[in-house]
């Protein structure tokens, strides 16, 4: 830790951005998987050997999987946005605090 908190703050802000990027990347992976799941619609006749119930179960599972993947991606994007907003707010607070500290010794405000 340093005596003036400056470098530690910069490291923390970089860590927040790094984490946000990981969440964004994970969201992209989920979106790719969702795209694949959406495209896996099969004609019910494909299941003629097993019956209509199997075709319906497959479609319900495929649809649910695609929905959950999209929702997961949306949630991951929201986490990334929250991390970035936290970093922005923290940086703004630090800048305001530094500005106040600069004026504490009678210097310019």
PDB file of N, CA and C in Angstrom:
ATOM      1  N   UNK A   1       0.848  -1.179   0.000  1.00  0.00           N
ATOM      2  CA  UNK A   1       0.000   0.000   0.000  1.00  0.00           C
ATOM      3  C   UNK A   1       0.886   1.232   0.000  1.00  0.00           C
ATOM      4  N   UNK A   2       0.456   2.234  -0.702  1.00  0.00           N
ATOM      5  CA  UNK A   2       1.239   3.459  -0.755  1.00  0.00           C
ATOM      6  C   UNK A   2       0.683   4.457   0.237  1.00  0.00           C
ATOM      7  N   UNK A   3       1.429   5.516   0.433  1.00  0.00           N
ATOM      8  CA  UNK A   3       1.003   6.515   1.392  1.00  0.00           C
ATOM      9  C   UNK A   3      -0.101   7.422   0.898  1.00  0.00           C
ATOM     10  N   UNK A   4      -0.324   7.500  -0.418  1.00  0.00           N
ATOM     11  CA  UNK A   4      -1.292   8.485  -0.909  1.00  0.00           C
ATOM     12  C   UNK A   4      -2.509   7.878  -1.580  1.00  0.00           C
ATOM     13  N   UNK A   5      -2.677   6.620  -1.567  1.00  0.00           N
ATOM     14  CA  UNK A   5      -3.822   5.906  -2.130  1.00  0.00           C
ATOM     15  C   UNK A   5      -3.932   6.004  -3.643  1.00  0.00           C
ATOM     16  N   UNK A   6      -3.185   6.838  -4.318  1.00  0.00           N
ATOM     17  CA  UNK A   6      -3.289   6.997  -5.759  1.00  0.00           C
ATOM     18  C   UNK A   6      -3.070   5.718  -6.534  1.00  0.00           C
ATOM     19  N   UNK A   7      -1.901   5.090  -6.420  1.00  0.00           N
ATOM     20  CA  UNK A   7      -1.669   3.869  -7.181  1.00  0.00           C
ATOM     21  C   UNK A   7      -2.629   2.740  -6.822  1.00  0.00           C
ATOM     22  N   UNK A   8      -2.982   2.609  -5.547  1.00  0.00           N
ATOM     23  CA  UNK A   8      -3.920   1.556  -5.161  1.00  0.00           C
ATOM     24  C   UNK A   8      -5.276   1.765  -5.814  1.00  0.00           C
ATOM     25  N   UNK A   9      -5.699   2.999  -5.915  1.00  0.00           N
ATOM     26  CA  UNK A   9      -6.972   3.301  -6.561  1.00  0.00           C
ATOM     27  C   UNK A   9      -6.897   2.926  -8.031  1.00  0.00           C
ATOM     28  N   UNK A  10      -5.794   3.267  -8.685  1.00  0.00           N
ATOM     29  CA  UNK A  10      -5.639   2.935 -10.100  1.00  0.00           C
ATOM     30  C   UNK A  10      -5.663   1.428 -10.307  1.00  0.00           C
ATOM     31  N   UNK A  11      -5.013   0.694  -9.419  1.00  0.00           N
ATOM     32  CA  UNK A  11      -4.997  -0.767  -9.520  1.00  0.00           C
ATOM     33  C   UNK A  11      -6.413  -1.312  -9.333  1.00  0.00           C
ATOM     34  N   UNK A  12      -7.127  -0.797  -8.359  1.00  0.00           N
ATOM     35  CA  UNK A  12      -8.496  -1.251  -8.106  1.00  0.00           C
ATOM     36  C   UNK A  12      -9.405  -0.956  -9.296  1.00  0.00           C
ATOM     37  N   UNK A  13      -9.243   0.205  -9.895  1.00  0.00           N
ATOM     38  CA  UNK A  13     -10.071   0.553 -11.048  1.00  0.00           C
ATOM     39  C   UNK A  13      -9.750  -0.352 -12.239  1.00  0.00           C
ATOM     40  N   UNK A  14      -8.477  -0.652 -12.433  1.00  0.00           N
ATOM     41  CA  UNK A  14      -8.103  -1.585 -13.513  1.00  0.00           C
ATOM     42  C   UNK A  14      -8.669  -2.980 -13.236  1.00  0.00           C
ATOM     43  N   UNK A  15      -8.661  -3.384 -11.986  1.00  0.00           N
ATOM     44  CA  UNK A  15      -9.213  -4.696 -11.627  1.00  0.00           C
ATOM     45  C   UNK A  15     -10.715  -4.746 -11.894  1.00  0.00           C
ATOM     46  N   UNK A  16     -11.410  -3.666 -11.587  1.00  0.00           N
ATOM     47  CA  UNK A  16     -12.850  -3.620 -11.879  1.00  0.00           C
ATOM     48  C   UNK A  16     -13.103  -3.734 -13.377  1.00  0.00           C
ATOM     49  N   UNK A  17     -12.319  -3.035 -14.175  1.00  0.00           N
ATOM     50  CA  UNK A  17     -12.487  -3.106 -15.627  1.00  0.00           C
ATOM     51  C   UNK A  17     -12.147  -4.499 -16.138  1.00  0.00           C
ATOM     52  N   UNK A  18     -11.106  -5.105 -15.585  1.00  0.00           N
ATOM     53  CA  UNK A  18     -10.736  -6.461 -15.980  1.00  0.00           C
ATOM     54  C   UNK A  18     -11.874  -7.439 -15.666  1.00  0.00           C
ATOM     55  N   UNK A  19     -12.442  -7.305 -14.482  1.00  0.00           N
ATOM     56  CA  UNK A  19     -13.572  -8.164 -14.110  1.00  0.00           C
ATOM     57  C   UNK A  19     -14.765  -7.910 -15.019  1.00  0.00           C
ATOM     58  N   UNK A  20     -15.044  -6.657 -15.313  1.00  0.00           N
ATOM     59  CA  UNK A  20     -16.164  -6.322 -16.196  1.00  0.00           C
ATOM     60  C   UNK A  20     -15.958  -6.944 -17.572  1.00  0.00           C
ATOM     61  N   UNK A  21     -14.743  -6.910 -18.057  1.00  0.00           N
ATOM     62  CA  UNK A  21     -14.445  -7.507 -19.362  1.00  0.00           C
ATOM     63  C   UNK A  21     -14.698  -9.008 -19.337  1.00  0.00           C
ATOM     64  N   UNK A  22     -14.345  -9.653 -18.252  1.00  0.00           N
ATOM     65  CA  UNK A  22     -14.598 -11.100 -18.142  1.00  0.00           C
ATOM     66  C   UNK A  22     -16.097 -11.402 -18.180  1.00  0.00           C
ATOM     67  N   UNK A  23     -16.879 -10.588 -17.493  1.00  0.00           N
ATOM     68  CA  UNK A  23     -18.334 -10.779 -17.504  1.00  0.00           C
ATOM     69  C   UNK A  23     -18.888 -10.536 -18.908  1.00  0.00           C
ATOM     70  N   UNK A  24     -18.381  -9.518 -19.584  1.00  0.00           N
ATOM     71  CA  UNK A  24     -18.823  -9.233 -20.949  1.00  0.00           C
ATOM     72  C   UNK A  24     -18.462 -10.388 -21.882  1.00  0.00           C
ATOM     73  N   UNK A  25     -17.258 -10.904 -21.735  1.00  0.00           N
ATOM     74  CA  UNK A  25     -16.829 -12.046 -22.559  1.00  0.00           C
ATOM     75  C   UNK A  25     -17.703 -13.269 -22.295  1.00  0.00           C
ATOM     76  N   UNK A  26     -18.014 -13.515 -21.033  1.00  0.00           N
ATOM     77  CA  UNK A  26     -18.866 -14.656 -20.688  1.00  0.00           C
ATOM     78  C   UNK A  26     -20.268 -14.471 -21.270  1.00  0.00           C
ATOM     79  N   UNK A  27     -20.766 -13.244 -21.269  1.00  0.00           N
ATOM     80  CA  UNK A  27     -22.077 -12.972 -21.868  1.00  0.00           C
ATOM     81  C   UNK A  27     -22.055 -13.291 -23.356  1.00  0.00           C
ATOM     82  N   UNK A  28     -20.960 -12.958 -24.022  1.00  0.00           N
ATOM     83  CA  UNK A  28     -20.849 -13.242 -25.455  1.00  0.00           C
ATOM     84  C   UNK A  28     -20.883 -14.749 -25.717  1.00  0.00           C
ATOM     85  N   UNK A  29     -20.222 -15.518 -24.856  1.00  0.00           N
ATOM     86  CA  UNK A  29     -20.231 -16.977 -24.999  1.00  0.00           C
ATOM     87  C   UNK A  29     -21.656 -17.509 -24.832  1.00  0.00           C
ATOM     88  N   UNK A  30     -22.363 -16.994 -23.838  1.00  0.00           N
ATOM     89  CA  UNK A  30     -23.748 -17.437 -23.630  1.00  0.00           C
ATOM     90  C   UNK A  30     -24.632 -17.054 -24.810  1.00  0.00           C
ATOM     91  N   UNK A  31     -24.426 -15.880 -25.375  1.00  0.00           N
ATOM     92  CA  UNK A  31     -25.221 -15.463 -26.537  1.00  0.00           C
ATOM     93  C   UNK A  31     -24.959 -16.370 -27.741  1.00  0.00           C
ATOM     94  N   UNK A  32     -23.704 -16.762 -27.921  1.00  0.00           N
ATOM     95  CA  UNK A  32     -23.389 -17.702 -29.008  1.00  0.00           C
ATOM     96  C   UNK A  32     -24.115 -19.026 -28.785  1.00  0.00           C
ATOM     97  N   UNK A  33     -24.079 -19.509 -27.563  1.00  0.00           N
ATOM     98  CA  UNK A  33     -24.772 -20.760 -27.248  1.00  0.00           C
ATOM     99  C   UNK A  33     -26.275 -20.616 -27.448  1.00  0.00           C
ATOM    100  N   UNK A  34     -26.827 -19.457 -27.085  1.00  0.00           N
ATOM    101  CA  UNK A  34     -28.256 -19.219 -27.282  1.00  0.00           C
ATOM    102  C   UNK A  34     -28.609 -19.249 -28.760  1.00  0.00           C
ATOM    103  N   UNK A  35     -27.757 -18.663 -29.588  1.00  0.00           N
ATOM    104  CA  UNK A  35     -27.994 -18.660 -31.034  1.00  0.00           C
ATOM    105  C   UNK A  35     -28.037 -20.088 -31.569  1.00  0.00           C
ATOM    106  N   UNK A  36     -27.134 -20.920 -31.085  1.00  0.00           N
ATOM    107  CA  UNK A  36     -27.119 -22.324 -31.501  1.00  0.00           C
ATOM    108  C   UNK A  36     -28.390 -23.021 -31.024  1.00  0.00           C
ATOM    109  N   UNK A  37     -28.776 -22.785 -29.782  1.00  0.00           N
ATOM    110  CA  UNK A  37     -29.973 -23.434 -29.232  1.00  0.00           C
ATOM    111  C   UNK A  37     -31.228 -23.017 -29.987  1.00  0.00           C
ATOM    112  N   UNK A  38     -31.312 -21.750 -30.339  1.00  0.00           N
ATOM    113  CA  UNK A  38     -32.480 -21.255 -31.085  1.00  0.00           C
ATOM    114  C   UNK A  38     -32.590 -21.976 -32.427  1.00  0.00           C
ATOM    115  N   UNK A  39     -31.450 -22.261 -33.034  1.00  0.00           N
ATOM    116  CA  UNK A  39     -31.441 -22.869 -34.365  1.00  0.00           C
ATOM    117  C   UNK A  39     -31.676 -24.384 -34.351  1.00  0.00           C
ATOM    118  N   UNK A  40     -31.751 -24.992 -33.204  1.00  0.00           N
ATOM    119  CA  UNK A  40     -31.876 -26.447 -33.115  1.00  0.00           C
ATOM    120  C   UNK A  40     -33.323 -26.943 -33.157  1.00  0.00           C
ATOM    121  N   UNK A  41     -34.194 -26.188 -33.790  1.00  0.00           N
ATOM    122  CA  UNK A  41     -35.591 -26.612 -33.933  1.00  0.00           C
ATOM    123  C   UNK A  41     -35.626 -27.830 -34.854  1.00  0.00           C
ATOM    124  N   UNK A  42     -36.285 -28.855 -34.410  1.00  0.00           N
ATOM    125  CA  UNK A  42     -36.423 -30.068 -35.207  1.00  0.00           C
ATOM    126  C   UNK A  42     -37.883 -30.295 -35.552  1.00  0.00           C
ATOM    127  N   UNK A  43     -38.109 -30.774 -36.735  1.00  0.00           N
ATOM    128  CA  UNK A  43     -39.460 -31.137 -37.159  1.00  0.00           C
ATOM    129  C   UNK A  43     -39.964 -32.248 -36.239  1.00  0.00           C
ATOM    130  N   UNK A  44     -41.190 -32.138 -35.766  1.00  0.00           N
ATOM    131  CA  UNK A  44     -41.712 -33.183 -34.880  1.00  0.00           C
ATOM    132  C   UNK A  44     -41.630 -34.585 -35.490  1.00  0.00           C
ATOM    133  N   UNK A  45     -41.655 -34.669 -36.812  1.00  0.00           N
ATOM    134  CA  UNK A  45     -41.548 -35.966 -37.474  1.00  0.00           C
ATOM    135  C   UNK A  45     -40.221 -36.654 -37.227  1.00  0.00           C
ATOM    136  N   UNK A  46     -39.227 -35.867 -36.851  1.00  0.00           N
ATOM    137  CA  UNK A  46     -37.923 -36.432 -36.535  1.00  0.00           C
ATOM    138  C   UNK A  46     -38.033 -37.432 -35.386  1.00  0.00           C
ATOM    139  N   UNK A  47     -39.033 -37.231 -34.549  1.00  0.00           N
ATOM    140  CA  UNK A  47     -39.214 -38.083 -33.378  1.00  0.00           C
ATOM    141  C   UNK A  47     -40.308 -39.133 -33.588  1.00  0.00           C
ATOM    142  N   UNK A  48     -40.623 -39.423 -34.834  1.00  0.00           N
ATOM    143  CA  UNK A  48     -41.720 -40.349 -35.111  1.00  0.00           C
ATOM    144  C   UNK A  48     -41.498 -41.711 -34.455  1.00  0.00           C
ATOM    145  N   UNK A  49     -40.256 -42.094 -34.297  1.00  0.00           N
ATOM    146  CA  UNK A  49     -39.946 -43.382 -33.668  1.00  0.00           C
ATOM    147  C   UNK A  49     -40.290 -43.385 -32.177  1.00  0.00           C
ATOM    148  N   UNK A  50     -40.341 -42.177 -31.553  1.00  0.00           N
ATOM    149  CA  UNK A  50     -40.538 -42.108 -30.111  1.00  0.00           C
ATOM    150  C   UNK A  50     -41.896 -41.529 -29.724  1.00  0.00           C
ATOM    151  N   UNK A  51     -42.548 -40.884 -30.637  1.00  0.00           N
ATOM    152  CA  UNK A  51     -43.866 -40.340 -30.342  1.00  0.00           C
ATOM    153  C   UNK A  51     -43.866 -38.837 -30.125  1.00  0.00           C
ATOM    154  N   UNK A  52     -45.074 -38.315 -30.180  1.00  0.00           N
ATOM    155  CA  UNK A  52     -45.286 -36.870 -30.063  1.00  0.00           C
ATOM    156  C   UNK A  52     -44.794 -36.319 -28.722  1.00  0.00           C
ATOM    157  N   UNK A  53     -44.937 -37.081 -27.653  1.00  0.00           N
ATOM    158  CA  UNK A  53     -44.524 -36.606 -26.335  1.00  0.00           C
ATOM    159  C   UNK A  53     -43.026 -36.300 -26.297  1.00  0.00           C
ATOM    160  N   UNK A  54     -42.233 -37.108 -26.952  1.00  0.00           N
ATOM    161  CA  UNK A  54     -40.796 -36.880 -26.976  1.00  0.00           C
ATOM    162  C   UNK A  54     -40.490 -35.618 -27.779  1.00  0.00           C
ATOM    163  N   UNK A  55     -41.175 -35.439 -28.900  1.00  0.00           N
ATOM    164  CA  UNK A  55     -40.980 -34.229 -29.709  1.00  0.00           C
ATOM    165  C   UNK A  55     -41.341 -32.991 -28.905  1.00  0.00           C
ATOM    166  N   UNK A  56     -42.435 -33.047 -28.158  1.00  0.00           N
ATOM    167  CA  UNK A  56     -42.850 -31.914 -27.335  1.00  0.00           C
ATOM    168  C   UNK A  56     -41.856 -31.654 -26.200  1.00  0.00           C
ATOM    169  N   UNK A  57     -41.366 -32.719 -25.594  1.00  0.00           N
ATOM    170  CA  UNK A  57     -40.384 -32.568 -24.510  1.00  0.00           C
ATOM    171  C   UNK A  57     -39.090 -31.953 -25.048  1.00  0.00           C
ATOM    172  N   UNK A  58     -38.657 -32.423 -26.227  1.00  0.00           N
ATOM    173  CA  UNK A  58     -37.449 -31.853 -26.836  1.00  0.00           C
ATOM    174  C   UNK A  58     -37.632 -30.362 -27.083  1.00  0.00           C
ATOM    175  N   UNK A  59     -38.753 -30.001 -27.679  1.00  0.00           N
ATOM    176  CA  UNK A  59     -38.981 -28.580 -27.999  1.00  0.00           C
ATOM    177  C   UNK A  59     -39.064 -27.737 -26.738  1.00  0.00           C
ATOM    178  N   UNK A  60     -39.709 -28.245 -25.698  1.00  0.00           N
ATOM    179  CA  UNK A  60     -39.795 -27.498 -24.439  1.00  0.00           C
ATOM    180  C   UNK A  60     -38.402 -27.293 -23.847  1.00  0.00           C
ATOM    181  N   UNK A  61     -37.576 -28.327 -23.868  1.00  0.00           N
ATOM    182  CA  UNK A  61     -36.228 -28.221 -23.329  1.00  0.00           C
ATOM    183  C   UNK A  61     -35.363 -27.287 -24.181  1.00  0.00           C
ATOM    184  N   UNK A  62     -35.473 -27.384 -25.494  1.00  0.00           N
ATOM    185  CA  UNK A  62     -34.703 -26.524 -26.390  1.00  0.00           C
ATOM    186  C   UNK A  62     -35.075 -25.068 -26.174  1.00  0.00           C
ATOM    187  N   UNK A  63     -36.350 -24.806 -26.107  1.00  0.00           N
ATOM    188  CA  UNK A  63     -36.844 -23.440 -25.921  1.00  0.00           C
ATOM    189  C   UNK A  63     -36.406 -22.879 -24.562  1.00  0.00           C
ATOM    190  N   UNK A  64     -36.542 -23.678 -23.518  1.00  0.00           N
ATOM    191  CA  UNK A  64     -36.134 -23.242 -22.178  1.00  0.00           C
ATOM    192  C   UNK A  64     -34.631 -22.977 -22.136  1.00  0.00           C
ATOM    193  N   UNK A  65     -33.866 -23.848 -22.737  1.00  0.00           N
ATOM    194  CA  UNK A  65     -32.412 -23.673 -22.759  1.00  0.00           C
ATOM    195  C   UNK A  65     -32.039 -22.366 -23.451  1.00  0.00           C
ATOM    196  N   UNK A  66     -32.629 -22.105 -24.604  1.00  0.00           N
ATOM    197  CA  UNK A  66     -32.346 -20.862 -25.332  1.00  0.00           C
ATOM    198  C   UNK A  66     -32.731 -19.647 -24.496  1.00  0.00           C
ATOM    199  N   UNK A  67     -33.885 -19.696 -23.853  1.00  0.00           N
ATOM    200  CA  UNK A  67     -34.340 -18.587 -23.015  1.00  0.00           C
ATOM    201  C   UNK A  67     -33.385 -18.345 -21.850  1.00  0.00           C
ATOM    202  N   UNK A  68     -32.997 -19.409 -21.170  1.00  0.00           N
ATOM    203  CA  UNK A  68     -32.089 -19.271 -20.022  1.00  0.00           C
ATOM    204  C   UNK A  68     -30.715 -18.749 -20.448  1.00  0.00           C
ATOM    205  N   UNK A  69     -30.243 -19.171 -21.601  1.00  0.00           N
ATOM    206  CA  UNK A  69     -28.960 -18.672 -22.090  1.00  0.00           C
ATOM    207  C   UNK A  69     -29.024 -17.172 -22.382  1.00  0.00           C
ATOM    208  N   UNK A  70     -30.103 -16.727 -22.997  1.00  0.00           N
ATOM    209  CA  UNK A  70     -30.260 -15.289 -23.270  1.00  0.00           C
ATOM    210  C   UNK A  70     -30.373 -14.517 -21.958  1.00  0.00           C
ATOM    211  N   UNK A  71     -31.169 -15.016 -21.027  1.00  0.00           N
ATOM    212  CA  UNK A  71     -31.305 -14.341 -19.734  1.00  0.00           C
ATOM    213  C   UNK A  71     -29.975 -14.308 -18.986  1.00  0.00           C
ATOM    214  N   UNK A  72     -29.224 -15.398 -19.050  1.00  0.00           N
ATOM    215  CA  UNK A  72     -27.915 -15.426 -18.412  1.00  0.00           C
ATOM    216  C   UNK A  72     -26.983 -14.393 -19.022  1.00  0.00           C
ATOM    217  N   UNK A  73     -26.985 -14.297 -20.342  1.00  0.00           N
ATOM    218  CA  UNK A  73     -26.147 -13.304 -21.019  1.00  0.00           C
ATOM    219  C   UNK A  73     -26.555 -11.895 -20.614  1.00  0.00           C
ATOM    220  N   UNK A  74     -27.851 -11.646 -20.555  1.00  0.00           N
ATOM    221  CA  UNK A  74     -28.328 -10.321 -20.119  1.00  0.00           C
ATOM    222  C   UNK A  74     -27.861 -10.021 -18.693  1.00  0.00           C
ATOM    223  N   UNK A  75     -27.938 -11.011 -17.827  1.00  0.00           N
ATOM    224  CA  UNK A  75     -27.497 -10.825 -16.435  1.00  0.00           C
ATOM    225  C   UNK A  75     -25.995 -10.576 -16.362  1.00  0.00           C
ATOM    226  N   UNK A  76     -25.220 -11.311 -17.143  1.00  0.00           N
ATOM    227  CA  UNK A  76     -23.771 -11.093 -17.157  1.00  0.00           C
ATOM    228  C   UNK A  76     -23.444  -9.690 -17.655  1.00  0.00           C
ATOM    229  N   UNK A  77     -24.154  -9.242 -18.687  1.00  0.00           N
ATOM    230  CA  UNK A  77     -23.945  -7.872 -19.177  1.00  0.00           C
ATOM    231  C   UNK A  77     -24.298  -6.847 -18.096  1.00  0.00           C
ATOM    232  N   UNK A  78     -25.335  -7.129 -17.325  1.00  0.00           N
ATOM    233  CA  UNK A  78     -25.723  -6.215 -16.245  1.00  0.00           C
ATOM    234  C   UNK A  78     -24.647  -6.158 -15.157  1.00  0.00           C
ATOM    235  N   UNK A  79     -24.038  -7.293 -14.848  1.00  0.00           N
ATOM    236  CA  UNK A  79     -22.951  -7.312 -13.862  1.00  0.00           C
ATOM    237  C   UNK A  79     -21.783  -6.471 -14.381  1.00  0.00           C
ATOM    238  N   UNK A  80     -21.433  -6.659 -15.647  1.00  0.00           N
ATOM    239  CA  UNK A  80     -20.331  -5.886 -16.243  1.00  0.00           C
ATOM    240  C   UNK A  80     -20.637  -4.391 -16.203  1.00  0.00           C
ATOM    241  N   UNK A  81     -21.861  -4.036 -16.527  1.00  0.00           N
ATOM    242  CA  UNK A  81     -22.247  -2.613 -16.502  1.00  0.00           C
ATOM    243  C   UNK A  81     -22.169  -2.064 -15.078  1.00  0.00           C
ATOM    244  N   UNK A  82     -22.591  -2.855 -14.104  1.00  0.00           N
ATOM    245  CA  UNK A  82     -22.539  -2.399 -12.707  1.00  0.00           C
ATOM    246  C   UNK A  82     -21.096  -2.215 -12.249  1.00  0.00           C
ATOM    247  N   UNK A  83     -20.213  -3.122 -12.648  1.00  0.00           N
ATOM    248  CA  UNK A  83     -18.803  -2.977 -12.294  1.00  0.00           C
ATOM    249  C   UNK A  83     -18.214  -1.716 -12.920  1.00  0.00           C
ATOM    250  N   UNK A  84     -18.546  -1.480 -14.175  1.00  0.00           N
ATOM    251  CA  UNK A  84     -18.021  -0.285 -14.849  1.00  0.00           C
ATOM    252  C   UNK A  84     -18.590   0.989 -14.231  1.00  0.00           C
ATOM    253  N   UNK A  85     -19.849   0.965 -13.868  1.00  0.00           N
ATOM    254  CA  UNK A  85     -20.460   2.136 -13.226  1.00  0.00           C
ATOM    255  C   UNK A  85     -19.840   2.364 -11.853  1.00  0.00           C
ATOM    256  N   UNK A  86     -19.574   1.294 -11.128  1.00  0.00           N
ATOM    257  CA  UNK A  86     -18.915   1.425  -9.825  1.00  0.00           C
ATOM    258  C   UNK A  86     -17.536   2.046  -9.981  1.00  0.00           C
ATOM    259  N   UNK A  87     -16.795   1.595 -10.978  1.00  0.00           N
ATOM    260  CA  UNK A  87     -15.460   2.145 -11.223  1.00  0.00           C
ATOM    261  C   UNK A  87     -15.555   3.626 -11.575  1.00  0.00           C
ATOM    262  N   UNK A  88     -16.527   3.972 -12.417  1.00  0.00           N
ATOM    263  CA  UNK A  88     -16.700   5.372 -12.808  1.00  0.00           C
ATOM    264  C   UNK A  88     -17.055   6.230 -11.602  1.00  0.00           C
ATOM    265  N   UNK A  89     -17.975   5.755 -10.788  1.00  0.00           N
ATOM    266  CA  UNK A  89     -18.394   6.509  -9.607  1.00  0.00           C
ATOM    267  C   UNK A  89     -17.248   6.636  -8.606  1.00  0.00           C
ATOM    268  N   UNK A  90     -16.496   5.559  -8.442  1.00  0.00           N
ATOM    269  CA  UNK A  90     -15.371   5.591  -7.505  1.00  0.00           C
ATOM    270  C   UNK A  90     -14.308   6.566  -7.987  1.00  0.00           C
ATOM    271  N   UNK A  91     -14.018   6.541  -9.286  1.00  0.00           N
ATOM    272  CA  UNK A  91     -13.027   7.467  -9.853  1.00  0.00           C
ATOM    273  C   UNK A  91     -13.489   8.912  -9.685  1.00  0.00           C
ATOM    274  N   UNK A  92     -14.768   9.160  -9.891  1.00  0.00           N
ATOM    275  CA  UNK A  92     -15.311  10.511  -9.723  1.00  0.00           C
ATOM    276  C   UNK A  92     -15.210  10.951  -8.261  1.00  0.00           C
ATOM    277  N   UNK A  93     -15.512  10.044  -7.333  1.00  0.00           N
ATOM    278  CA  UNK A  93     -15.395  10.366  -5.907  1.00  0.00           C
ATOM    279  C   UNK A  93     -13.942  10.654  -5.538  1.00  0.00           C
ATOM    280  N   UNK A  94     -13.024   9.856  -6.075  1.00  0.00           N
ATOM    281  CA  UNK A  94     -11.606  10.074  -5.806  1.00  0.00           C
ATOM    282  C   UNK A  94     -11.153  11.425  -6.341  1.00  0.00           C
ATOM    283  N   UNK A  95     -11.597  11.765  -7.542  1.00  0.00           N
ATOM    284  CA  UNK A  95     -11.218  13.047  -8.128  1.00  0.00           C
ATOM    285  C   UNK A  95     -11.780  14.202  -7.300  1.00  0.00           C
ATOM    286  N   UNK A  96     -13.012  14.061  -6.854  1.00  0.00           N
ATOM    287  CA  UNK A  96     -13.622  15.104  -6.022  1.00  0.00           C
ATOM    288  C   UNK A  96     -12.892  15.217  -4.691  1.00  0.00           C
ATOM    289  N   UNK A  97     -12.518  14.075  -4.112  1.00  0.00           N
ATOM    290  CA  UNK A  97     -11.779  14.084  -2.850  1.00  0.00           C
ATOM    291  C   UNK A  97     -10.412  14.715  -3.000  1.00  0.00           C
ATOM    292  N   UNK A  98      -9.733  14.425  -4.090  1.00  0.00           N
ATOM    293  CA  UNK A  98      -8.425  15.020  -4.348  1.00  0.00           C
ATOM    294  C   UNK A  98      -8.567  16.524  -4.525  1.00  0.00           C
ATOM    295  N   UNK A  99      -9.637  16.927  -5.181  1.00  0.00           N
ATOM    296  CA  UNK A  99      -9.883  18.362  -5.381  1.00  0.00           C
ATOM    297  C   UNK A  99     -10.115  19.048  -4.021  1.00  0.00           C
ATOM    298  N   UNK A 100     -10.901  18.397  -3.168  1.00  0.00           N
ATOM    299  CA  UNK A 100     -11.155  18.962  -1.826  1.00  0.00           C
ATOM    300  C   UNK A 100      -9.871  19.016  -1.018  1.00  0.00           C
ATOM    301  N   UNK A 101      -9.063  17.968  -1.102  1.00  0.00           N
ATOM    302  CA  UNK A 101      -7.810  17.937  -0.355  1.00  0.00           C
ATOM    303  C   UNK A 101      -6.866  19.027  -0.847  1.00  0.00           C
ATOM    304  N   UNK A 102      -6.881  19.283  -2.136  1.00  0.00           N
ATOM    305  CA  UNK A 102      -6.042  20.336  -2.693  1.00  0.00           C
ATOM    306  C   UNK A 102      -6.401  21.678  -2.119  1.00  0.00           C
ATOM    307  N   UNK A 103      -7.643  21.869  -1.787  1.00  0.00           N
ATOM    308  CA  UNK A 103      -8.089  23.160  -1.233  1.00  0.00           C
ATOM    309  C   UNK A 103      -7.968  23.220   0.265  1.00  0.00           C
ATOM    310  N   UNK A 104      -7.654  22.106   0.942  1.00  0.00           N
ATOM    311  CA  UNK A 104      -7.602  22.088   2.395  1.00  0.00           C
ATOM    312  C   UNK A 104      -6.435  22.894   2.959  1.00  0.00           C
ATOM    313  N   UNK A 105      -5.381  23.068   2.195  1.00  0.00           N
ATOM    314  CA  UNK A 105      -4.210  23.788   2.697  1.00  0.00           C
ATOM    315  C   UNK A 105      -4.242  25.267   2.297  1.00  0.00           C
ATOM    316  N   UNK A 106      -5.385  25.698   1.860  1.00  0.00           N
ATOM    317  CA  UNK A 106      -5.496  27.088   1.463  1.00  0.00           C
ATOM    318  C   UNK A 106      -5.139  27.316   0.000  1.00  0.00           C
ATOM    319  N   UNK A 107      -4.815  26.210  -0.697  1.00  0.00           N
ATOM    320  CA  UNK A 107      -4.475  26.302  -2.105  1.00  0.00           C
ATOM    321  C   UNK A 107      -5.715  26.485  -2.961  1.00  0.00           C
ATOM    322  N   UNK A 108      -5.537  26.446  -4.264  1.00  0.00           N
ATOM    323  CA  UNK A 108      -6.669  26.651  -5.183  1.00  0.00           C
ATOM    324  C   UNK A 108      -7.718  25.568  -5.042  1.00  0.00           C
ATOM    325  N   UNK A 109      -8.945  25.941  -5.259  1.00  0.00           N
ATOM    326  CA  UNK A 109     -10.059  24.995  -5.211  1.00  0.00           C
ATOM    327  C   UNK A 109     -10.623  24.769  -6.568  1.00  0.00           C
TER     328      UNK A 109
END
